[in-house]
Amino acid sequence: MKAVGGPQTYLLAGAFNCGKAQPGQIAAVSHGCPSALFEQVNILNTQQEAAH
């Protein structure tokens, strides 16, 4: 990781369903983080890999 953004780049995002248990629970979950800059990291592109 080369850099981490400041407070102005912080974004709170999440989902409406935690996806746990049977029957499924309805509970909002959220995760927040600032922007970050990474170098020399390989990211798996699942659409591209599925074509092979």
C-alpha atoms as a PDB file:
ATOM      1  CA  MET A   1       0.000   0.000   0.000  1.00  0.00           C
ATOM      2  CA  LYS A   2       1.449   3.298  -1.090  1.00  0.00           C
ATOM      3  CA  ALA A   3      -1.045   5.805   0.368  1.00  0.00           C
ATOM      4  CA  VAL A   4      -4.262   6.121   2.382  1.00  0.00           C
ATOM      5  CA  GLY A   5      -6.768   8.888   1.763  1.00  0.00           C
ATOM      6  CA  GLY A   6      -7.803  11.336   4.433  1.00  0.00           C
ATOM      7  CA  PRO A   7     -11.168  11.738   6.176  1.00  0.00           C
ATOM      8  CA  GLN A   8     -12.675  13.368   3.065  1.00  0.00           C
ATOM      9  CA  THR A   9     -12.287  10.055   1.158  1.00  0.00           C
ATOM     10  CA  TYR A  10     -14.021   7.914   3.819  1.00  0.00           C
ATOM     11  CA  LEU A  11     -17.064   6.076   2.460  1.00  0.00           C
ATOM     12  CA  LEU A  12     -19.551   4.047   4.469  1.00  0.00           C
ATOM     13  CA  ALA A  13     -21.159   1.285   2.405  1.00  0.00           C
ATOM     14  CA  GLY A  14     -23.010  -1.899   3.169  1.00  0.00           C
ATOM     15  CA  ALA A  15     -25.866  -4.271   2.496  1.00  0.00           C
ATOM     16  CA  PHE A  16     -29.442  -4.588   3.740  1.00  0.00           C
ATOM     17  CA  ASN A  17     -29.130  -8.297   4.509  1.00  0.00           C
ATOM     18  CA  CYS A  18     -26.335  -9.917   6.519  1.00  0.00           C
ATOM     19  CA  GLY A  19     -27.019 -13.266   4.805  1.00  0.00           C
ATOM     20  CA  LYS A  20     -26.608 -15.378   7.947  1.00  0.00           C
ATOM     21  CA  ALA A  21     -28.681 -18.157   9.508  1.00  0.00           C
ATOM     22  CA  GLN A  22     -31.673 -20.227   8.465  1.00  0.00           C
ATOM     23  CA  PRO A  23     -34.058 -18.577   7.924  1.00  0.00           C
ATOM     24  CA  GLY A  24     -32.017 -15.624   6.714  1.00  0.00           C
ATOM     25  CA  GLN A  25     -31.689 -12.690   9.066  1.00  0.00           C
ATOM     26  CA  ILE A  26     -32.705  -9.215   7.992  1.00  0.00           C
ATOM     27  CA  ALA A  27     -30.000  -7.014   9.485  1.00  0.00           C
ATOM     28  CA  ALA A  28     -28.174  -4.151   7.857  1.00  0.00           C
ATOM     29  CA  VAL A  29     -24.386  -4.421   7.838  1.00  0.00           C
ATOM     30  CA  SER A  30     -21.903  -1.718   6.951  1.00  0.00           C
ATOM     31  CA  HIS A  31     -18.195  -1.320   6.436  1.00  0.00           C
ATOM     32  CA  GLY A  32     -16.411   1.959   6.030  1.00  0.00           C
ATOM     33  CA  CYS A  33     -12.950   2.772   4.757  1.00  0.00           C
ATOM     34  CA  PRO A  34     -10.946   5.562   3.153  1.00  0.00           C
ATOM     35  CA  SER A  35      -9.591   5.383  -0.384  1.00  0.00           C
ATOM     36  CA  ALA A  36      -6.229   3.665  -0.688  1.00  0.00           C
ATOM     37  CA  LEU A  37      -3.550   3.426  -3.366  1.00  0.00           C
ATOM     38  CA  PHE A  38      -1.900   0.066  -3.983  1.00  0.00           C
ATOM     39  CA  GLU A  39       0.927  -0.772  -6.377  1.00  0.00           C
ATOM     40  CA  GLN A  40       2.128  -4.103  -7.734  1.00  0.00           C
ATOM     41  CA  VAL A  41      -0.954  -6.014  -6.577  1.00  0.00           C
ATOM     42  CA  ASN A  42      -2.605  -8.592  -8.833  1.00  0.00           C
ATOM     43  CA  ILE A  43      -6.411  -8.427  -8.734  1.00  0.00           C
ATOM     44  CA  LEU A  44      -8.376 -11.440  -9.904  1.00  0.00           C
ATOM     45  CA  ASN A  45     -10.796 -10.466 -12.682  1.00  0.00           C
ATOM     46  CA  THR A  46     -13.404 -13.216 -12.384  1.00  0.00           C
ATOM     47  CA  GLN A  47     -15.158 -12.330 -15.657  1.00  0.00           C
ATOM     48  CA  GLN A  48     -11.879 -12.520 -17.571  1.00  0.00           C
ATOM     49  CA  GLU A  49     -10.819 -15.734 -15.799  1.00  0.00           C
ATOM     50  CA  ALA A  50     -14.202 -17.386 -16.463  1.00  0.00           C
ATOM     51  CA  ALA A  51     -13.676 -16.929 -20.216  1.00  0.00           C
ATOM     52  CA  HIS A  52     -10.685 -19.286 -20.163  1.00  0.00           C
END
